[in-house]
């Protein structure tokens, strides 16, 4: 944008926008009038740059008008898609509704449930899985083949007899090595590391209990109809 076009935007277009937006553009969601004025100004600045590149005459009233019209239809400088539930244009179309995940859900059984309880994934968080794999990869760099095989055997819950014969040591020695590996894990990640790895998250237990309760209610209802 040239200096002349910038002064035109500042002195002629922005005053029109500041006076028009509060009267004709309806804020959506948490938007404020000041934010809308700023957003429409960004849109107008893009119009000015586009007109300059194409050699068109800069008409302040027209640029301000079309920038305000875009804001009225829900288009913003950062996007205009109507497939995003958080986009103002989609909300103005009344094609979507936004609800809090902590909102209470009416449950016929009388239990207190929220949308988060109903939509929570049954699977483990992928981010936690990736973080755990990174931690274990760093730890295994300090272990030899026998230590890694011992850890894998422990995870699988298998017997140590075959592993002892493979590496030519006694089962008692493998038990001793297992305790030493546990000490190294605790030294790196803390005393509660092994216990935390085996513990089911409290939120997961609550969600599973709620789902099992709903399944029981459904089964009893089916039995009552027979």
C-alpha atoms as a PDB file:
ATOM      1  CA  UNK A   1       0.000   0.000   0.000  1.00  0.00           C
ATOM      2  CA  UNK A   2       1.375   3.389  -1.027  1.00  0.00           C
ATOM      3  CA  UNK A   3       1.661   6.272   1.484  1.00  0.00           C
ATOM      4  CA  UNK A   4      -1.098   8.154  -0.340  1.00  0.00           C
ATOM      5  CA  UNK A   5      -3.455   5.181  -0.125  1.00  0.00           C
ATOM      6  CA  UNK A   6      -2.581   4.745   3.552  1.00  0.00           C
ATOM      7  CA  UNK A   7      -3.521   8.357   4.299  1.00  0.00           C
ATOM      8  CA  UNK A   8      -6.760   7.896   2.373  1.00  0.00           C
ATOM      9  CA  UNK A   9      -7.572   4.841   4.496  1.00  0.00           C
ATOM     10  CA  UNK A  10      -6.703   6.666   7.706  1.00  0.00           C
ATOM     11  CA  UNK A  11      -8.384  10.006   7.061  1.00  0.00           C
ATOM     12  CA  UNK A  12     -11.429   9.146   4.932  1.00  0.00           C
ATOM     13  CA  UNK A  13     -12.291   5.451   5.033  1.00  0.00           C
ATOM     14  CA  UNK A  14     -11.748   4.686   8.735  1.00  0.00           C
ATOM     15  CA  UNK A  15     -14.045   7.497   9.986  1.00  0.00           C
ATOM     16  CA  UNK A  16     -16.867   6.117   7.811  1.00  0.00           C
ATOM     17  CA  UNK A  17     -16.296   2.616   9.171  1.00  0.00           C
ATOM     18  CA  UNK A  18     -16.131   3.793  12.791  1.00  0.00           C
ATOM     19  CA  UNK A  19     -19.442   5.651  12.400  1.00  0.00           C
ATOM     20  CA  UNK A  20     -21.266   2.916  10.441  1.00  0.00           C
ATOM     21  CA  UNK A  21     -20.271  -0.385  12.052  1.00  0.00           C
ATOM     22  CA  UNK A  22     -21.847   0.243  15.508  1.00  0.00           C
ATOM     23  CA  UNK A  23     -25.201   0.986  13.823  1.00  0.00           C
ATOM     24  CA  UNK A  24     -25.474  -1.731  11.186  1.00  0.00           C
ATOM     25  CA  UNK A  25     -23.186  -4.676  12.079  1.00  0.00           C
ATOM     26  CA  UNK A  26     -24.421  -7.100  14.747  1.00  0.00           C
ATOM     27  CA  UNK A  27     -21.703  -8.668  16.930  1.00  0.00           C
ATOM     28  CA  UNK A  28     -21.703 -12.459  17.057  1.00  0.00           C
ATOM     29  CA  UNK A  29     -20.723 -14.442  20.121  1.00  0.00           C
ATOM     30  CA  UNK A  30     -18.054 -12.684  22.160  1.00  0.00           C
ATOM     31  CA  UNK A  31     -17.316 -10.043  19.519  1.00  0.00           C
ATOM     32  CA  UNK A  32     -17.317  -6.386  20.538  1.00  0.00           C
ATOM     33  CA  UNK A  33     -18.030  -3.310  18.446  1.00  0.00           C
ATOM     34  CA  UNK A  34     -14.406  -2.208  18.716  1.00  0.00           C
ATOM     35  CA  UNK A  35     -13.231  -5.567  17.387  1.00  0.00           C
ATOM     36  CA  UNK A  36     -15.670  -5.302  14.482  1.00  0.00           C
ATOM     37  CA  UNK A  37     -14.414  -1.826  13.595  1.00  0.00           C
ATOM     38  CA  UNK A  38     -10.855  -3.156  13.545  1.00  0.00           C
ATOM     39  CA  UNK A  39     -11.853  -6.166  11.450  1.00  0.00           C
ATOM     40  CA  UNK A  40     -13.741  -4.086   8.884  1.00  0.00           C
ATOM     41  CA  UNK A  41     -10.734  -1.751   8.677  1.00  0.00           C
ATOM     42  CA  UNK A  42      -8.507  -4.719   7.800  1.00  0.00           C
ATOM     43  CA  UNK A  43     -10.955  -5.746   5.088  1.00  0.00           C
ATOM     44  CA  UNK A  44     -11.019  -2.193   3.733  1.00  0.00           C
ATOM     45  CA  UNK A  45      -7.210  -2.089   3.706  1.00  0.00           C
ATOM     46  CA  UNK A  46      -7.178  -5.226   1.567  1.00  0.00           C
ATOM     47  CA  UNK A  47      -9.643  -3.620  -0.822  1.00  0.00           C
ATOM     48  CA  UNK A  48      -7.378  -0.578  -1.080  1.00  0.00           C
ATOM     49  CA  UNK A  49      -4.345  -2.736  -1.862  1.00  0.00           C
ATOM     50  CA  UNK A  50      -6.311  -4.721  -4.449  1.00  0.00           C
ATOM     51  CA  UNK A  51      -7.546  -1.558  -6.186  1.00  0.00           C
ATOM     52  CA  UNK A  52      -4.036  -0.112  -6.249  1.00  0.00           C
ATOM     53  CA  UNK A  53      -2.567  -3.254  -7.826  1.00  0.00           C
ATOM     54  CA  UNK A  54      -5.192  -3.192 -10.567  1.00  0.00           C
ATOM     55  CA  UNK A  55      -4.895   0.525 -11.126  1.00  0.00           C
ATOM     56  CA  UNK A  56      -8.466   1.297 -10.129  1.00  0.00           C
ATOM     57  CA  UNK A  57      -9.587   4.589  -8.662  1.00  0.00           C
ATOM     58  CA  UNK A  58      -9.873   4.647  -4.853  1.00  0.00           C
ATOM     59  CA  UNK A  59     -13.356   5.760  -3.808  1.00  0.00           C
ATOM     60  CA  UNK A  60     -13.551   5.966   0.031  1.00  0.00           C
ATOM     61  CA  UNK A  61     -17.348   5.648   0.287  1.00  0.00           C
ATOM     62  CA  UNK A  62     -17.450   2.562  -1.949  1.00  0.00           C
ATOM     63  CA  UNK A  63     -14.568   0.819  -0.188  1.00  0.00           C
ATOM     64  CA  UNK A  64     -16.094   1.436   3.241  1.00  0.00           C
ATOM     65  CA  UNK A  65     -19.524   0.325   2.014  1.00  0.00           C
ATOM     66  CA  UNK A  66     -18.396  -3.043   0.651  1.00  0.00           C
ATOM     67  CA  UNK A  67     -16.186  -3.729   3.683  1.00  0.00           C
ATOM     68  CA  UNK A  68     -19.147  -3.089   5.997  1.00  0.00           C
ATOM     69  CA  UNK A  69     -21.430  -5.268   3.848  1.00  0.00           C
ATOM     70  CA  UNK A  70     -19.038  -8.200   4.219  1.00  0.00           C
ATOM     71  CA  UNK A  71     -19.107  -7.800   7.996  1.00  0.00           C
ATOM     72  CA  UNK A  72     -22.928  -7.684   7.991  1.00  0.00           C
ATOM     73  CA  UNK A  73     -23.095 -11.081   6.256  1.00  0.00           C
ATOM     74  CA  UNK A  74     -20.740 -12.621   8.817  1.00  0.00           C
ATOM     75  CA  UNK A  75     -17.553 -12.516   6.755  1.00  0.00           C
ATOM     76  CA  UNK A  76     -14.447 -11.528   8.675  1.00  0.00           C
ATOM     77  CA  UNK A  77     -10.931 -10.614   7.645  1.00  0.00           C
ATOM     78  CA  UNK A  78      -9.620 -13.894   9.078  1.00  0.00           C
ATOM     79  CA  UNK A  79     -12.105 -16.150   7.253  1.00  0.00           C
ATOM     80  CA  UNK A  80     -15.509 -16.480   5.658  1.00  0.00           C
ATOM     81  CA  UNK A  81     -16.259 -20.201   5.720  1.00  0.00           C
ATOM     82  CA  UNK A  82     -19.732 -21.331   6.680  1.00  0.00           C
ATOM     83  CA  UNK A  83     -18.615 -24.844   7.628  1.00  0.00           C
ATOM     84  CA  UNK A  84     -16.906 -23.721  10.852  1.00  0.00           C
ATOM     85  CA  UNK A  85     -19.271 -23.712  13.829  1.00  0.00           C
ATOM     86  CA  UNK A  86     -17.371 -20.798  15.379  1.00  0.00           C
ATOM     87  CA  UNK A  87     -17.496 -18.671  12.235  1.00  0.00           C
ATOM     88  CA  UNK A  88     -19.873 -15.664  12.581  1.00  0.00           C
ATOM     89  CA  UNK A  89     -21.378 -16.308   9.143  1.00  0.00           C
ATOM     90  CA  UNK A  90     -22.402 -19.842  10.146  1.00  0.00           C
ATOM     91  CA  UNK A  91     -23.978 -18.559  13.358  1.00  0.00           C
ATOM     92  CA  UNK A  92     -25.824 -15.799  11.522  1.00  0.00           C
ATOM     93  CA  UNK A  93     -27.238 -18.463   9.190  1.00  0.00           C
ATOM     94  CA  UNK A  94     -28.536 -20.241  12.339  1.00  0.00           C
ATOM     95  CA  UNK A  95     -27.226 -23.487  10.866  1.00  0.00           C
ATOM     96  CA  UNK A  96     -25.160 -24.281  13.967  1.00  0.00           C
ATOM     97  CA  UNK A  97     -25.436 -23.920  17.705  1.00  0.00           C
ATOM     98  CA  UNK A  98     -22.651 -23.778  20.278  1.00  0.00           C
ATOM     99  CA  UNK A  99     -23.109 -25.507  23.622  1.00  0.00           C
ATOM    100  CA  UNK A 100     -20.767 -25.762  26.571  1.00  0.00           C
ATOM    101  CA  UNK A 101     -19.206 -29.170  27.194  1.00  0.00           C
ATOM    102  CA  UNK A 102     -19.996 -28.628  30.886  1.00  0.00           C
ATOM    103  CA  UNK A 103     -23.707 -28.132  30.214  1.00  0.00           C
ATOM    104  CA  UNK A 104     -25.963 -30.535  32.104  1.00  0.00           C
ATOM    105  CA  UNK A 105     -27.775 -33.213  30.119  1.00  0.00           C
ATOM    106  CA  UNK A 106     -31.259 -34.415  31.054  1.00  0.00           C
ATOM    107  CA  UNK A 107     -30.863 -38.041  32.085  1.00  0.00           C
ATOM    108  CA  UNK A 108     -34.005 -40.162  32.671  1.00  0.00           C
ATOM    109  CA  UNK A 109     -32.179 -42.177  35.326  1.00  0.00           C
ATOM    110  CA  UNK A 110     -31.568 -39.038  37.385  1.00  0.00           C
ATOM    111  CA  UNK A 111     -27.759 -39.108  37.135  1.00  0.00           C
ATOM    112  CA  UNK A 112     -25.845 -35.857  36.757  1.00  0.00           C
ATOM    113  CA  UNK A 113     -24.194 -35.977  33.347  1.00  0.00           C
ATOM    114  CA  UNK A 114     -22.596 -33.376  31.083  1.00  0.00           C
ATOM    115  CA  UNK A 115     -21.903 -33.330  27.351  1.00  0.00           C
ATOM    116  CA  UNK A 116     -18.245 -34.018  28.141  1.00  0.00           C
ATOM    117  CA  UNK A 117     -19.239 -37.251  29.910  1.00  0.00           C
ATOM    118  CA  UNK A 118     -21.244 -38.432  26.911  1.00  0.00           C
ATOM    119  CA  UNK A 119     -18.713 -37.487  24.230  1.00  0.00           C
ATOM    120  CA  UNK A 120     -15.502 -38.484  25.990  1.00  0.00           C
ATOM    121  CA  UNK A 121     -13.463 -40.906  23.921  1.00  0.00           C
ATOM    122  CA  UNK A 122     -13.124 -44.486  25.095  1.00  0.00           C
ATOM    123  CA  UNK A 123      -9.552 -44.522  23.830  1.00  0.00           C
ATOM    124  CA  UNK A 124      -6.461 -43.039  25.421  1.00  0.00           C
ATOM    125  CA  UNK A 125      -5.436 -39.521  24.486  1.00  0.00           C
ATOM    126  CA  UNK A 126      -3.127 -39.751  21.406  1.00  0.00           C
ATOM    127  CA  UNK A 127      -0.982 -36.957  22.847  1.00  0.00           C
ATOM    128  CA  UNK A 128      -0.351 -38.983  25.994  1.00  0.00           C
ATOM    129  CA  UNK A 129       0.500 -42.060  23.929  1.00  0.00           C
ATOM    130  CA  UNK A 130       3.027 -40.104  21.858  1.00  0.00           C
ATOM    131  CA  UNK A 131       4.571 -38.475  24.946  1.00  0.00           C
ATOM    132  CA  UNK A 132       4.917 -41.851  26.654  1.00  0.00           C
ATOM    133  CA  UNK A 133       6.582 -43.371  23.601  1.00  0.00           C
ATOM    134  CA  UNK A 134       9.083 -40.510  23.518  1.00  0.00           C
ATOM    135  CA  UNK A 135       9.861 -40.967  27.215  1.00  0.00           C
ATOM    136  CA  UNK A 136      10.351 -44.710  26.838  1.00  0.00           C
ATOM    137  CA  UNK A 137      12.503 -44.274  23.713  1.00  0.00           C
ATOM    138  CA  UNK A 138      14.843 -41.996  25.660  1.00  0.00           C
ATOM    139  CA  UNK A 139      14.968 -44.453  28.554  1.00  0.00           C
ATOM    140  CA  UNK A 140      15.643 -47.498  26.377  1.00  0.00           C
ATOM    141  CA  UNK A 141      18.710 -45.816  24.876  1.00  0.00           C
ATOM    142  CA  UNK A 142      20.482 -46.529  28.179  1.00  0.00           C
ATOM    143  CA  UNK A 143      19.452 -50.234  28.273  1.00  0.00           C
ATOM    144  CA  UNK A 144      21.069 -53.226  26.643  1.00  0.00           C
ATOM    145  CA  UNK A 145      19.324 -56.038  24.751  1.00  0.00           C
ATOM    146  CA  UNK A 146      18.774 -58.130  27.887  1.00  0.00           C
ATOM    147  CA  UNK A 147      17.222 -55.248  29.808  1.00  0.00           C
ATOM    148  CA  UNK A 148      14.852 -54.422  26.942  1.00  0.00           C
ATOM    149  CA  UNK A 149      13.825 -58.089  26.595  1.00  0.00           C
ATOM    150  CA  UNK A 150      13.197 -58.230  30.354  1.00  0.00           C
ATOM    151  CA  UNK A 151      10.995 -55.145  30.203  1.00  0.00           C
ATOM    152  CA  UNK A 152       9.028 -56.596  27.287  1.00  0.00           C
ATOM    153  CA  UNK A 153       8.584 -59.904  29.100  1.00  0.00           C
ATOM    154  CA  UNK A 154       7.324 -58.024  32.157  1.00  0.00           C
ATOM    155  CA  UNK A 155       4.828 -56.053  30.074  1.00  0.00           C
ATOM    156  CA  UNK A 156       3.567 -59.234  28.400  1.00  0.00           C
ATOM    157  CA  UNK A 157       3.250 -60.967  31.765  1.00  0.00           C
ATOM    158  CA  UNK A 158       5.287 -63.950  30.606  1.00  0.00           C
ATOM    159  CA  UNK A 159       7.486 -66.337  32.606  1.00  0.00           C
ATOM    160  CA  UNK A 160      11.171 -65.630  33.090  1.00  0.00           C
ATOM    161  CA  UNK A 161      12.363 -69.226  32.568  1.00  0.00           C
ATOM    162  CA  UNK A 162      12.755 -68.969  28.782  1.00  0.00           C
ATOM    163  CA  UNK A 163      14.352 -65.551  29.057  1.00  0.00           C
ATOM    164  CA  UNK A 164      16.819 -66.833  31.673  1.00  0.00           C
ATOM    165  CA  UNK A 165      17.837 -69.711  29.412  1.00  0.00           C
ATOM    166  CA  UNK A 166      18.210 -67.349  26.436  1.00  0.00           C
ATOM    167  CA  UNK A 167      20.679 -65.093  28.222  1.00  0.00           C
ATOM    168  CA  UNK A 168      22.325 -67.783  30.343  1.00  0.00           C
ATOM    169  CA  UNK A 169      21.361 -66.446  33.770  1.00  0.00           C
ATOM    170  CA  UNK A 170      19.140 -67.695  36.553  1.00  0.00           C
ATOM    171  CA  UNK A 171      15.552 -66.609  37.142  1.00  0.00           C
ATOM    172  CA  UNK A 172      16.652 -65.142  40.476  1.00  0.00           C
ATOM    173  CA  UNK A 173      19.179 -62.957  38.644  1.00  0.00           C
ATOM    174  CA  UNK A 174      16.447 -61.735  36.280  1.00  0.00           C
ATOM    175  CA  UNK A 175      14.269 -60.805  39.256  1.00  0.00           C
ATOM    176  CA  UNK A 176      17.179 -58.828  40.647  1.00  0.00           C
ATOM    177  CA  UNK A 177      17.667 -57.091  37.306  1.00  0.00           C
ATOM    178  CA  UNK A 178      13.967 -56.283  37.169  1.00  0.00           C
ATOM    179  CA  UNK A 179      14.180 -54.526  40.523  1.00  0.00           C
ATOM    180  CA  UNK A 180      17.209 -52.576  39.312  1.00  0.00           C
ATOM    181  CA  UNK A 181      15.331 -51.494  36.188  1.00  0.00           C
ATOM    182  CA  UNK A 182      12.446 -50.351  38.362  1.00  0.00           C
ATOM    183  CA  UNK A 183      14.834 -48.231  40.418  1.00  0.00           C
ATOM    184  CA  UNK A 184      16.156 -46.588  37.238  1.00  0.00           C
ATOM    185  CA  UNK A 185      12.629 -45.778  36.077  1.00  0.00           C
ATOM    186  CA  UNK A 186      11.762 -44.251  39.452  1.00  0.00           C
ATOM    187  CA  UNK A 187      15.028 -42.304  39.494  1.00  0.00           C
ATOM    188  CA  UNK A 188      14.218 -40.771  36.116  1.00  0.00           C
ATOM    189  CA  UNK A 189      10.455 -40.191  36.441  1.00  0.00           C
ATOM    190  CA  UNK A 190       9.786 -40.199  40.188  1.00  0.00           C
ATOM    191  CA  UNK A 191       8.646 -42.663  42.857  1.00  0.00           C
ATOM    192  CA  UNK A 192       5.059 -42.798  41.566  1.00  0.00           C
ATOM    193  CA  UNK A 193       5.986 -43.405  37.902  1.00  0.00           C
ATOM    194  CA  UNK A 194       5.245 -47.145  37.836  1.00  0.00           C
ATOM    195  CA  UNK A 195       2.068 -46.787  39.893  1.00  0.00           C
ATOM    196  CA  UNK A 196       0.815 -43.964  37.658  1.00  0.00           C
ATOM    197  CA  UNK A 197       1.483 -46.051  34.549  1.00  0.00           C
ATOM    198  CA  UNK A 198      -0.838 -48.785  35.824  1.00  0.00           C
ATOM    199  CA  UNK A 199      -3.510 -46.528  37.331  1.00  0.00           C
ATOM    200  CA  UNK A 200      -6.732 -45.881  35.394  1.00  0.00           C
ATOM    201  CA  UNK A 201      -7.532 -42.141  35.195  1.00  0.00           C
ATOM    202  CA  UNK A 202     -10.311 -41.117  37.590  1.00  0.00           C
ATOM    203  CA  UNK A 203     -12.311 -39.408  34.855  1.00  0.00           C
ATOM    204  CA  UNK A 204     -12.189 -42.573  32.734  1.00  0.00           C
ATOM    205  CA  UNK A 205     -13.572 -44.671  35.579  1.00  0.00           C
ATOM    206  CA  UNK A 206     -16.433 -42.226  36.137  1.00  0.00           C
ATOM    207  CA  UNK A 207     -17.328 -42.157  32.450  1.00  0.00           C
ATOM    208  CA  UNK A 208     -17.191 -45.959  32.160  1.00  0.00           C
ATOM    209  CA  UNK A 209     -19.376 -46.315  35.253  1.00  0.00           C
ATOM    210  CA  UNK A 210     -21.940 -43.928  33.768  1.00  0.00           C
ATOM    211  CA  UNK A 211     -21.960 -45.844  30.481  1.00  0.00           C
ATOM    212  CA  UNK A 212     -22.343 -49.193  32.239  1.00  0.00           C
ATOM    213  CA  UNK A 213     -25.210 -47.763  34.280  1.00  0.00           C
ATOM    214  CA  UNK A 214     -26.944 -46.581  31.112  1.00  0.00           C
ATOM    215  CA  UNK A 215     -26.468 -50.022  29.540  1.00  0.00           C
ATOM    216  CA  UNK A 216     -28.061 -51.672  32.587  1.00  0.00           C
ATOM    217  CA  UNK A 217     -31.000 -49.278  32.472  1.00  0.00           C
ATOM    218  CA  UNK A 218     -31.480 -50.055  28.777  1.00  0.00           C
ATOM    219  CA  UNK A 219     -31.340 -53.810  29.373  1.00  0.00           C
ATOM    220  CA  UNK A 220     -33.887 -53.595  32.207  1.00  0.00           C
ATOM    221  CA  UNK A 221     -36.182 -51.564  29.977  1.00  0.00           C
ATOM    222  CA  UNK A 222     -35.960 -54.230  27.269  1.00  0.00           C
ATOM    223  CA  UNK A 223     -36.691 -56.977  29.780  1.00  0.00           C
ATOM    224  CA  UNK A 224     -39.734 -55.080  31.044  1.00  0.00           C
ATOM    225  CA  UNK A 225     -41.207 -54.902  27.503  1.00  0.00           C
ATOM    226  CA  UNK A 226     -40.969 -58.668  26.995  1.00  0.00           C
END
